[in-house]
């Protein structure tokens, strides 16, 4: 049982580093469980500056509309991810669906 303890501590260190990297990238910790080594993080959508995009739209004679629509749809989405360590000690992240 003692030989498993250093592996668990190393796994917990890797897990904590993964979470801190995601938090540094703008995610917010929603739930964390150190016993089962999983955490749920989310990042809210960004606001789109429609005034600026309208000016670009006018200068490009409407060609910017495709990019503007894409920015409006993608930037407003919330992102939610699961960070975990599987049974073999391999870390992974998985994107969750947000309703």
PDB file of N, CA and C in Angstrom:
ATOM      1  N   UNK A   1       0.819  -1.187   0.000  1.00  0.00           N
ATOM      2  CA  UNK A   1       0.000   0.000   0.000  1.00  0.00           C
ATOM      3  C   UNK A   1       0.864   1.252   0.000  1.00  0.00           C
ATOM      4  N   UNK A   2       2.041   1.188   0.674  1.00  0.00           N
ATOM      5  CA  UNK A   2       2.917   2.342   0.729  1.00  0.00           C
ATOM      6  C   UNK A   2       3.517   2.666  -0.631  1.00  0.00           C
ATOM      7  N   UNK A   3       3.739   1.667  -1.479  1.00  0.00           N
ATOM      8  CA  UNK A   3       4.312   1.910  -2.797  1.00  0.00           C
ATOM      9  C   UNK A   3       3.338   2.667  -3.696  1.00  0.00           C
ATOM     10  N   UNK A   4       2.060   2.593  -3.415  1.00  0.00           N
ATOM     11  CA  UNK A   4       1.035   3.285  -4.197  1.00  0.00           C
ATOM     12  C   UNK A   4       0.953   4.763  -3.825  1.00  0.00           C
ATOM     13  N   UNK A   5       1.399   5.122  -2.627  1.00  0.00           N
ATOM     14  CA  UNK A   5       1.292   6.500  -2.139  1.00  0.00           C
ATOM     15  C   UNK A   5       2.091   7.499  -2.981  1.00  0.00           C
ATOM     16  N   UNK A   6       3.370   7.242  -3.342  1.00  0.00           N
ATOM     17  CA  UNK A   6       4.095   8.207  -4.183  1.00  0.00           C
ATOM     18  C   UNK A   6       3.456   8.380  -5.563  1.00  0.00           C
ATOM     19  N   UNK A   7       2.930   7.317  -6.132  1.00  0.00           N
ATOM     20  CA  UNK A   7       2.262   7.410  -7.434  1.00  0.00           C
ATOM     21  C   UNK A   7       1.006   8.262  -7.322  1.00  0.00           C
ATOM     22  N   UNK A   8       0.280   8.119  -6.232  1.00  0.00           N
ATOM     23  CA  UNK A   8      -0.931   8.924  -6.017  1.00  0.00           C
ATOM     24  C   UNK A   8      -0.578  10.393  -5.827  1.00  0.00           C
ATOM     25  N   UNK A   9       0.509  10.666  -5.088  1.00  0.00           N
ATOM     26  CA  UNK A   9       0.933  12.051  -4.888  1.00  0.00           C
ATOM     27  C   UNK A   9       1.384  12.684  -6.198  1.00  0.00           C
ATOM     28  N   UNK A  10       2.092  11.942  -7.018  1.00  0.00           N
ATOM     29  CA  UNK A  10       2.529  12.444  -8.324  1.00  0.00           C
ATOM     30  C   UNK A  10       1.325  12.692  -9.233  1.00  0.00           C
ATOM     31  N   UNK A  11       0.379  11.777  -9.191  1.00  0.00           N
ATOM     32  CA  UNK A  11      -0.833  11.930  -9.978  1.00  0.00           C
ATOM     33  C   UNK A  11      -1.623  13.160  -9.539  1.00  0.00           C
ATOM     34  N   UNK A  12      -1.702  13.389  -8.236  1.00  0.00           N
ATOM     35  CA  UNK A  12      -2.404  14.563  -7.711  1.00  0.00           C
ATOM     36  C   UNK A  12      -1.682  15.854  -8.087  1.00  0.00           C
ATOM     37  N   UNK A  13      -0.353  15.820  -8.127  1.00  0.00           N
ATOM     38  CA  UNK A  13       0.425  16.992  -8.540  1.00  0.00           C
ATOM     39  C   UNK A  13       0.171  17.329 -10.010  1.00  0.00           C
ATOM     40  N   UNK A  14       0.165  16.304 -10.857  1.00  0.00           N
ATOM     41  CA  UNK A  14      -0.119  16.504 -12.287  1.00  0.00           C
ATOM     42  C   UNK A  14      -1.532  17.044 -12.469  1.00  0.00           C
ATOM     43  N   UNK A  15      -2.456  16.496 -11.726  1.00  0.00           N
ATOM     44  CA  UNK A  15      -3.851  16.933 -11.774  1.00  0.00           C
ATOM     45  C   UNK A  15      -3.974  18.404 -11.378  1.00  0.00           C
ATOM     46  N   UNK A  16      -3.315  18.799 -10.307  1.00  0.00           N
ATOM     47  CA  UNK A  16      -3.358  20.193  -9.855  1.00  0.00           C
ATOM     48  C   UNK A  16      -2.713  21.130 -10.870  1.00  0.00           C
ATOM     49  N   UNK A  17      -1.629  20.685 -11.502  1.00  0.00           N
ATOM     50  CA  UNK A  17      -0.985  21.500 -12.539  1.00  0.00           C
ATOM     51  C   UNK A  17      -1.891  21.704 -13.744  1.00  0.00           C
ATOM     52  N   UNK A  18      -2.610  20.660 -14.131  1.00  0.00           N
ATOM     53  CA  UNK A  18      -3.554  20.783 -15.249  1.00  0.00           C
ATOM     54  C   UNK A  18      -4.629  21.823 -14.947  1.00  0.00           C
ATOM     55  N   UNK A  19      -5.161  21.762 -13.747  1.00  0.00           N
ATOM     56  CA  UNK A  19      -6.209  22.692 -13.349  1.00  0.00           C
ATOM     57  C   UNK A  19      -5.670  24.127 -13.307  1.00  0.00           C
ATOM     58  N   UNK A  20      -4.474  24.300 -12.757  1.00  0.00           N
ATOM     59  CA  UNK A  20      -3.916  25.652 -12.665  1.00  0.00           C
ATOM     60  C   UNK A  20      -3.627  26.226 -14.043  1.00  0.00           C
ATOM     61  N   UNK A  21      -3.227  25.408 -15.005  1.00  0.00           N
ATOM     62  CA  UNK A  21      -3.008  25.884 -16.374  1.00  0.00           C
ATOM     63  C   UNK A  21      -4.319  26.348 -17.002  1.00  0.00           C
ATOM     64  N   UNK A  22      -5.387  25.594 -16.777  1.00  0.00           N
ATOM     65  CA  UNK A  22      -6.687  25.977 -17.326  1.00  0.00           C
ATOM     66  C   UNK A  22      -7.194  27.266 -16.679  1.00  0.00           C
ATOM     67  N   UNK A  23      -6.996  27.410 -15.385  1.00  0.00           N
ATOM     68  CA  UNK A  23      -7.417  28.632 -14.689  1.00  0.00           C
ATOM     69  C   UNK A  23      -6.608  29.818 -15.206  1.00  0.00           C
ATOM     70  N   UNK A  24      -5.336  29.607 -15.478  1.00  0.00           N
ATOM     71  CA  UNK A  24      -4.494  30.664 -16.037  1.00  0.00           C
ATOM     72  C   UNK A  24      -4.991  31.086 -17.421  1.00  0.00           C
ATOM     73  N   UNK A  25      -5.599  30.159 -18.164  1.00  0.00           N
ATOM     74  CA  UNK A  25      -6.137  30.457 -19.494  1.00  0.00           C
ATOM     75  C   UNK A  25      -7.539  31.049 -19.452  1.00  0.00           C
ATOM     76  N   UNK A  26      -8.054  31.359 -18.271  1.00  0.00           N
ATOM     77  CA  UNK A  26      -9.329  32.055 -18.169  1.00  0.00           C
ATOM     78  C   UNK A  26     -10.507  31.219 -17.711  1.00  0.00           C
ATOM     79  N   UNK A  27     -10.298  29.941 -17.454  1.00  0.00           N
ATOM     80  CA  UNK A  27     -11.387  29.103 -16.976  1.00  0.00           C
ATOM     81  C   UNK A  27     -11.614  29.333 -15.489  1.00  0.00           C
ATOM     82  N   UNK A  28     -12.817  29.057 -15.030  1.00  0.00           N
ATOM     83  CA  UNK A  28     -13.189  29.190 -13.625  1.00  0.00           C
ATOM     84  C   UNK A  28     -13.540  27.808 -13.100  1.00  0.00           C
ATOM     85  N   UNK A  29     -12.998  27.482 -11.938  1.00  0.00           N
ATOM     86  CA  UNK A  29     -13.233  26.176 -11.336  1.00  0.00           C
ATOM     87  C   UNK A  29     -14.647  26.106 -10.779  1.00  0.00           C
ATOM     88  N   UNK A  30     -15.413  25.148 -11.278  1.00  0.00           N
ATOM     89  CA  UNK A  30     -16.797  24.978 -10.839  1.00  0.00           C
ATOM     90  C   UNK A  30     -16.912  23.875  -9.798  1.00  0.00           C
ATOM     91  N   UNK A  31     -16.180  22.795 -10.011  1.00  0.00           N
ATOM     92  CA  UNK A  31     -16.231  21.664  -9.079  1.00  0.00           C
ATOM     93  C   UNK A  31     -14.902  20.925  -9.145  1.00  0.00           C
ATOM     94  N   UNK A  32     -14.427  20.480  -7.984  1.00  0.00           N
ATOM     95  CA  UNK A  32     -13.172  19.722  -7.931  1.00  0.00           C
ATOM     96  C   UNK A  32     -13.314  18.601  -6.915  1.00  0.00           C
ATOM     97  N   UNK A  33     -12.808  17.415  -7.290  1.00  0.00           N
ATOM     98  CA  UNK A  33     -12.818  16.273  -6.407  1.00  0.00           C
ATOM     99  C   UNK A  33     -11.436  15.637  -6.442  1.00  0.00           C
ATOM    100  N   UNK A  34     -10.679  15.780  -5.351  1.00  0.00           N
ATOM    101  CA  UNK A  34      -9.321  15.235  -5.306  1.00  0.00           C
ATOM    102  C   UNK A  34      -9.302  13.732  -5.084  1.00  0.00           C
ATOM    103  N   UNK A  35     -10.348  13.191  -4.503  1.00  0.00           N
ATOM    104  CA  UNK A  35     -10.389  11.744  -4.267  1.00  0.00           C
ATOM    105  C   UNK A  35     -10.485  10.978  -5.585  1.00  0.00           C
ATOM    106  N   UNK A  36     -11.390  11.400  -6.467  1.00  0.00           N
ATOM    107  CA  UNK A  36     -11.564  10.737  -7.765  1.00  0.00           C
ATOM    108  C   UNK A  36     -10.793  11.440  -8.871  1.00  0.00           C
ATOM    109  N   UNK A  37     -10.106  12.515  -8.553  1.00  0.00           N
ATOM    110  CA  UNK A  37      -9.269  13.305  -9.446  1.00  0.00           C
ATOM    111  C   UNK A  37      -9.994  13.727 -10.715  1.00  0.00           C
ATOM    112  N   UNK A  38     -11.016  14.549 -10.510  1.00  0.00           N
ATOM    113  CA  UNK A  38     -11.682  15.186 -11.637  1.00  0.00           C
ATOM    114  C   UNK A  38     -12.087  16.593 -11.222  1.00  0.00           C
ATOM    115  N   UNK A  39     -12.212  17.450 -12.219  1.00  0.00           N
ATOM    116  CA  UNK A  39     -12.641  18.822 -11.979  1.00  0.00           C
ATOM    117  C   UNK A  39     -13.432  19.294 -13.185  1.00  0.00           C
ATOM    118  N   UNK A  40     -14.405  20.152 -12.935  1.00  0.00           N
ATOM    119  CA  UNK A  40     -15.205  20.756 -13.992  1.00  0.00           C
ATOM    120  C   UNK A  40     -14.900  22.246 -13.986  1.00  0.00           C
ATOM    121  N   UNK A  41     -14.523  22.767 -15.145  1.00  0.00           N
ATOM    122  CA  UNK A  41     -14.198  24.177 -15.286  1.00  0.00           C
ATOM    123  C   UNK A  41     -15.050  24.768 -16.403  1.00  0.00           C
ATOM    124  N   UNK A  42     -15.319  26.074 -16.309  1.00  0.00           N
ATOM    125  CA  UNK A  42     -16.073  26.711 -17.385  1.00  0.00           C
ATOM    126  C   UNK A  42     -15.501  28.077 -17.685  1.00  0.00           C
ATOM    127  N   UNK A  43     -15.782  28.521 -18.903  1.00  0.00           N
ATOM    128  CA  UNK A  43     -15.365  29.842 -19.349  1.00  0.00           C
ATOM    129  C   UNK A  43     -16.581  30.483 -20.014  1.00  0.00           C
ATOM    130  N   UNK A  44     -16.951  31.654 -19.532  1.00  0.00           N
ATOM    131  CA  UNK A  44     -18.100  32.355 -20.087  1.00  0.00           C
ATOM    132  C   UNK A  44     -17.812  32.903 -21.477  1.00  0.00           C
ATOM    133  N   UNK A  45     -18.857  33.209 -22.201  1.00  0.00           N
ATOM    134  CA  UNK A  45     -18.713  33.759 -23.536  1.00  0.00           C
ATOM    135  C   UNK A  45     -18.195  35.188 -23.504  1.00  0.00           C
ATOM    136  N   UNK A  46     -17.573  35.600 -24.587  1.00  0.00           N
ATOM    137  CA  UNK A  46     -17.042  36.957 -24.699  1.00  0.00           C
ATOM    138  C   UNK A  46     -18.056  37.849 -25.394  1.00  0.00           C
ATOM    139  N   UNK A  47     -18.011  39.121 -25.071  1.00  0.00           N
ATOM    140  CA  UNK A  47     -18.888  40.097 -25.721  1.00  0.00           C
ATOM    141  C   UNK A  47     -18.255  40.515 -27.047  1.00  0.00           C
ATOM    142  N   UNK A  48     -19.089  40.651 -28.055  1.00  0.00           N
ATOM    143  CA  UNK A  48     -18.639  41.072 -29.379  1.00  0.00           C
ATOM    144  C   UNK A  48     -18.897  42.568 -29.523  1.00  0.00           C
ATOM    145  N   UNK A  49     -17.902  43.297 -30.003  1.00  0.00           N
ATOM    146  CA  UNK A  49     -18.041  44.729 -30.235  1.00  0.00           C
ATOM    147  C   UNK A  49     -18.717  44.936 -31.594  1.00  0.00           C
ATOM    148  N   UNK A  50     -20.026  45.066 -31.573  1.00  0.00           N
ATOM    149  CA  UNK A  50     -20.774  45.165 -32.820  1.00  0.00           C
ATOM    150  C   UNK A  50     -20.524  46.491 -33.543  1.00  0.00           C
ATOM    151  N   UNK A  51     -20.250  47.558 -32.832  1.00  0.00           N
ATOM    152  CA  UNK A  51     -19.965  48.846 -33.475  1.00  0.00           C
ATOM    153  C   UNK A  51     -18.702  48.748 -34.326  1.00  0.00           C
ATOM    154  N   UNK A  52     -17.658  48.177 -33.761  1.00  0.00           N
ATOM    155  CA  UNK A  52     -16.408  48.004 -34.498  1.00  0.00           C
ATOM    156  C   UNK A  52     -16.607  47.086 -35.700  1.00  0.00           C
ATOM    157  N   UNK A  53     -17.348  45.997 -35.506  1.00  0.00           N
ATOM    158  CA  UNK A  53     -17.588  45.066 -36.602  1.00  0.00           C
ATOM    159  C   UNK A  53     -18.433  45.701 -37.707  1.00  0.00           C
ATOM    160  N   UNK A  54     -19.335  46.592 -37.348  1.00  0.00           N
ATOM    161  CA  UNK A  54     -20.132  47.286 -38.363  1.00  0.00           C
ATOM    162  C   UNK A  54     -19.255  48.198 -39.211  1.00  0.00           C
ATOM    163  N   UNK A  55     -18.281  48.861 -38.586  1.00  0.00           N
ATOM    164  CA  UNK A  55     -17.363  49.722 -39.335  1.00  0.00           C
ATOM    165  C   UNK A  55     -16.540  48.891 -40.322  1.00  0.00           C
ATOM    166  N   UNK A  56     -16.036  47.749 -39.863  1.00  0.00           N
ATOM    167  CA  UNK A  56     -15.286  46.861 -40.772  1.00  0.00           C
ATOM    168  C   UNK A  56     -16.201  46.351 -41.878  1.00  0.00           C
ATOM    169  N   UNK A  57     -17.428  46.039 -41.532  1.00  0.00           N
ATOM    170  CA  UNK A  57     -18.421  45.579 -42.505  1.00  0.00           C
ATOM    171  C   UNK A  57     -18.598  46.623 -43.608  1.00  0.00           C
ATOM    172  N   UNK A  58     -18.693  47.884 -43.232  1.00  0.00           N
ATOM    173  CA  UNK A  58     -18.875  48.966 -44.223  1.00  0.00           C
ATOM    174  C   UNK A  58     -17.634  49.129 -45.096  1.00  0.00           C
ATOM    175  N   UNK A  59     -16.451  49.092 -44.489  1.00  0.00           N
ATOM    176  CA  UNK A  59     -15.212  49.267 -45.261  1.00  0.00           C
ATOM    177  C   UNK A  59     -14.965  48.117 -46.241  1.00  0.00           C
ATOM    178  N   UNK A  60     -15.410  46.926 -45.905  1.00  0.00           N
ATOM    179  CA  UNK A  60     -15.189  45.770 -46.786  1.00  0.00           C
ATOM    180  C   UNK A  60     -16.379  45.500 -47.689  1.00  0.00           C
ATOM    181  N   UNK A  61     -17.316  46.431 -47.738  1.00  0.00           N
ATOM    182  CA  UNK A  61     -18.508  46.320 -48.589  1.00  0.00           C
ATOM    183  C   UNK A  61     -19.301  45.041 -48.313  1.00  0.00           C
ATOM    184  N   UNK A  62     -19.398  44.682 -47.061  1.00  0.00           N
ATOM    185  CA  UNK A  62     -20.227  43.556 -46.655  1.00  0.00           C
ATOM    186  C   UNK A  62     -19.526  42.222 -46.563  1.00  0.00           C
ATOM    187  N   UNK A  63     -18.263  42.137 -47.010  1.00  0.00           N
ATOM    188  CA  UNK A  63     -17.555  40.857 -46.959  1.00  0.00           C
ATOM    189  C   UNK A  63     -17.281  40.409 -45.525  1.00  0.00           C
ATOM    190  N   UNK A  64     -17.194  41.356 -44.621  1.00  0.00           N
ATOM    191  CA  UNK A  64     -16.925  41.051 -43.226  1.00  0.00           C
ATOM    192  C   UNK A  64     -18.117  40.386 -42.534  1.00  0.00           C
ATOM    193  N   UNK A  65     -19.270  40.374 -43.180  1.00  0.00           N
ATOM    194  CA  UNK A  65     -20.471  39.834 -42.537  1.00  0.00           C
ATOM    195  C   UNK A  65     -20.311  38.361 -42.161  1.00  0.00           C
ATOM    196  N   UNK A  66     -19.594  37.599 -42.972  1.00  0.00           N
ATOM    197  CA  UNK A  66     -19.397  36.174 -42.672  1.00  0.00           C
ATOM    198  C   UNK A  66     -18.595  36.019 -41.377  1.00  0.00           C
ATOM    199  N   UNK A  67     -17.507  36.762 -41.268  1.00  0.00           N
ATOM    200  CA  UNK A  67     -16.687  36.696 -40.061  1.00  0.00           C
ATOM    201  C   UNK A  67     -17.447  37.240 -38.855  1.00  0.00           C
ATOM    202  N   UNK A  68     -18.218  38.281 -39.063  1.00  0.00           N
ATOM    203  CA  UNK A  68     -18.985  38.898 -37.983  1.00  0.00           C
ATOM    204  C   UNK A  68     -20.001  37.915 -37.408  1.00  0.00           C
ATOM    205  N   UNK A  69     -20.702  37.224 -38.277  1.00  0.00           N
ATOM    206  CA  UNK A  69     -21.689  36.228 -37.832  1.00  0.00           C
ATOM    207  C   UNK A  69     -20.997  35.107 -37.072  1.00  0.00           C
ATOM    208  N   UNK A  70     -19.863  34.644 -37.604  1.00  0.00           N
ATOM    209  CA  UNK A  70     -19.103  33.587 -36.925  1.00  0.00           C
ATOM    210  C   UNK A  70     -18.666  34.041 -35.540  1.00  0.00           C
ATOM    211  N   UNK A  71     -18.113  35.254 -35.447  1.00  0.00           N
ATOM    212  CA  UNK A  71     -17.679  35.783 -34.155  1.00  0.00           C
ATOM    213  C   UNK A  71     -18.841  35.886 -33.174  1.00  0.00           C
ATOM    214  N   UNK A  72     -19.973  36.330 -33.656  1.00  0.00           N
ATOM    215  CA  UNK A  72     -21.136  36.494 -32.796  1.00  0.00           C
ATOM    216  C   UNK A  72     -21.604  35.151 -32.239  1.00  0.00           C
ATOM    217  N   UNK A  73     -21.609  34.136 -33.071  1.00  0.00           N
ATOM    218  CA  UNK A  73     -22.086  32.815 -32.638  1.00  0.00           C
ATOM    219  C   UNK A  73     -21.061  32.126 -31.737  1.00  0.00           C
ATOM    220  N   UNK A  74     -19.802  32.089 -32.165  1.00  0.00           N
ATOM    221  CA  UNK A  74     -18.767  31.364 -31.424  1.00  0.00           C
ATOM    222  C   UNK A  74     -18.348  32.056 -30.132  1.00  0.00           C
ATOM    223  N   UNK A  75     -18.229  33.363 -30.163  1.00  0.00           N
ATOM    224  CA  UNK A  75     -17.745  34.079 -28.978  1.00  0.00           C
ATOM    225  C   UNK A  75     -18.765  34.072 -27.851  1.00  0.00           C
ATOM    226  N   UNK A  76     -20.029  33.988 -28.179  1.00  0.00           N
ATOM    227  CA  UNK A  76     -21.051  34.032 -27.138  1.00  0.00           C
ATOM    228  C   UNK A  76     -21.254  32.679 -26.448  1.00  0.00           C
ATOM    229  N   UNK A  77     -20.673  31.615 -26.993  1.00  0.00           N
ATOM    230  CA  UNK A  77     -20.839  30.289 -26.389  1.00  0.00           C
ATOM    231  C   UNK A  77     -20.018  30.161 -25.113  1.00  0.00           C
ATOM    232  N   UNK A  78     -20.596  29.484 -24.145  1.00  0.00           N
ATOM    233  CA  UNK A  78     -19.861  29.148 -22.928  1.00  0.00           C
ATOM    234  C   UNK A  78     -19.151  27.820 -23.162  1.00  0.00           C
ATOM    235  N   UNK A  79     -17.972  27.709 -22.603  1.00  0.00           N
ATOM    236  CA  UNK A  79     -17.201  26.475 -22.730  1.00  0.00           C
ATOM    237  C   UNK A  79     -17.108  25.822 -21.362  1.00  0.00           C
ATOM    238  N   UNK A  80     -17.312  24.523 -21.342  1.00  0.00           N
ATOM    239  CA  UNK A  80     -17.222  23.759 -20.101  1.00  0.00           C
ATOM    240  C   UNK A  80     -16.363  22.530 -20.386  1.00  0.00           C
ATOM    241  N   UNK A  81     -15.371  22.290 -19.527  1.00  0.00           N
ATOM    242  CA  UNK A  81     -14.484  21.152 -19.744  1.00  0.00           C
ATOM    243  C   UNK A  81     -14.359  20.318 -18.472  1.00  0.00           C
ATOM    244  N   UNK A  82     -14.048  19.064 -18.688  1.00  0.00           N
ATOM    245  CA  UNK A  82     -13.780  18.119 -17.604  1.00  0.00           C
ATOM    246  C   UNK A  82     -12.289  17.803 -17.654  1.00  0.00           C
ATOM    247  N   UNK A  83     -11.605  17.981 -16.548  1.00  0.00           N
ATOM    248  CA  UNK A  83     -10.188  17.632 -16.420  1.00  0.00           C
ATOM    249  C   UNK A  83     -10.140  16.471 -15.444  1.00  0.00           C
ATOM    250  N   UNK A  84      -9.502  15.376 -15.849  1.00  0.00           N
ATOM    251  CA  UNK A  84      -9.477  14.197 -14.983  1.00  0.00           C
ATOM    252  C   UNK A  84      -8.232  13.370 -15.250  1.00  0.00           C
ATOM    253  N   UNK A  85      -8.023  12.403 -14.379  1.00  0.00           N
ATOM    254  CA  UNK A  85      -6.941  11.439 -14.530  1.00  0.00           C
ATOM    255  C   UNK A  85      -7.586  10.062 -14.519  1.00  0.00           C
ATOM    256  N   UNK A  86      -7.306   9.279 -15.558  1.00  0.00           N
ATOM    257  CA  UNK A  86      -7.944   7.966 -15.645  1.00  0.00           C
ATOM    258  C   UNK A  86      -7.271   6.954 -14.729  1.00  0.00           C
ATOM    259  N   UNK A  87      -7.714   5.704 -14.798  1.00  0.00           N
ATOM    260  CA  UNK A  87      -7.228   4.658 -13.901  1.00  0.00           C
ATOM    261  C   UNK A  87      -5.742   4.378 -14.078  1.00  0.00           C
ATOM    262  N   UNK A  88      -5.224   4.636 -15.280  1.00  0.00           N
ATOM    263  CA  UNK A  88      -3.813   4.381 -15.566  1.00  0.00           C
ATOM    264  C   UNK A  88      -2.913   5.555 -15.194  1.00  0.00           C
ATOM    265  N   UNK A  89      -3.501   6.626 -14.688  1.00  0.00           N
ATOM    266  CA  UNK A  89      -2.721   7.794 -14.299  1.00  0.00           C
ATOM    267  C   UNK A  89      -2.454   8.762 -15.428  1.00  0.00           C
ATOM    268  N   UNK A  90      -3.182   8.625 -16.531  1.00  0.00           N
ATOM    269  CA  UNK A  90      -2.995   9.491 -17.695  1.00  0.00           C
ATOM    270  C   UNK A  90      -3.991  10.635 -17.618  1.00  0.00           C
ATOM    271  N   UNK A  91      -3.507  11.882 -17.640  1.00  0.00           N
ATOM    272  CA  UNK A  91      -4.423  13.031 -17.583  1.00  0.00           C
ATOM    273  C   UNK A  91      -5.119  13.247 -18.922  1.00  0.00           C
ATOM    274  N   UNK A  92      -6.361  13.731 -18.857  1.00  0.00           N
ATOM    275  CA  UNK A  92      -7.088  14.066 -20.078  1.00  0.00           C
ATOM    276  C   UNK A  92      -8.060  15.196 -19.797  1.00  0.00           C
ATOM    277  N   UNK A  93      -8.435  15.887 -20.864  1.00  0.00           N
ATOM    278  CA  UNK A  93      -9.476  16.907 -20.789  1.00  0.00           C
ATOM    279  C   UNK A  93     -10.520  16.566 -21.830  1.00  0.00           C
ATOM    280  N   UNK A  94     -11.748  16.864 -21.486  1.00  0.00           N
ATOM    281  CA  UNK A  94     -12.864  16.556 -22.379  1.00  0.00           C
ATOM    282  C   UNK A  94     -13.836  17.712 -22.347  1.00  0.00           C
ATOM    283  N   UNK A  95     -14.260  18.151 -23.517  1.00  0.00           N
ATOM    284  CA  UNK A  95     -15.197  19.245 -23.610  1.00  0.00           C
ATOM    285  C   UNK A  95     -16.615  18.724 -23.337  1.00  0.00           C
ATOM    286  N   UNK A  96     -17.340  19.433 -22.479  1.00  0.00           N
ATOM    287  CA  UNK A  96     -18.695  19.043 -22.128  1.00  0.00           C
ATOM    288  C   UNK A  96     -19.681  19.885 -22.920  1.00  0.00           C
ATOM    289  N   UNK A  97     -20.848  19.348 -23.133  1.00  0.00           N
ATOM    290  CA  UNK A  97     -21.905  20.095 -23.814  1.00  0.00           C
ATOM    291  C   UNK A  97     -22.559  21.056 -22.831  1.00  0.00           C
ATOM    292  N   UNK A  98     -22.771  22.280 -23.273  1.00  0.00           N
ATOM    293  CA  UNK A  98     -23.421  23.291 -22.443  1.00  0.00           C
ATOM    294  C   UNK A  98     -24.785  23.571 -23.032  1.00  0.00           C
ATOM    295  N   UNK A  99     -25.791  23.489 -22.179  1.00  0.00           N
ATOM    296  CA  UNK A  99     -27.163  23.709 -22.650  1.00  0.00           C
ATOM    297  C   UNK A  99     -27.446  25.180 -22.793  1.00  0.00           C
TER     298      UNK A  99
END
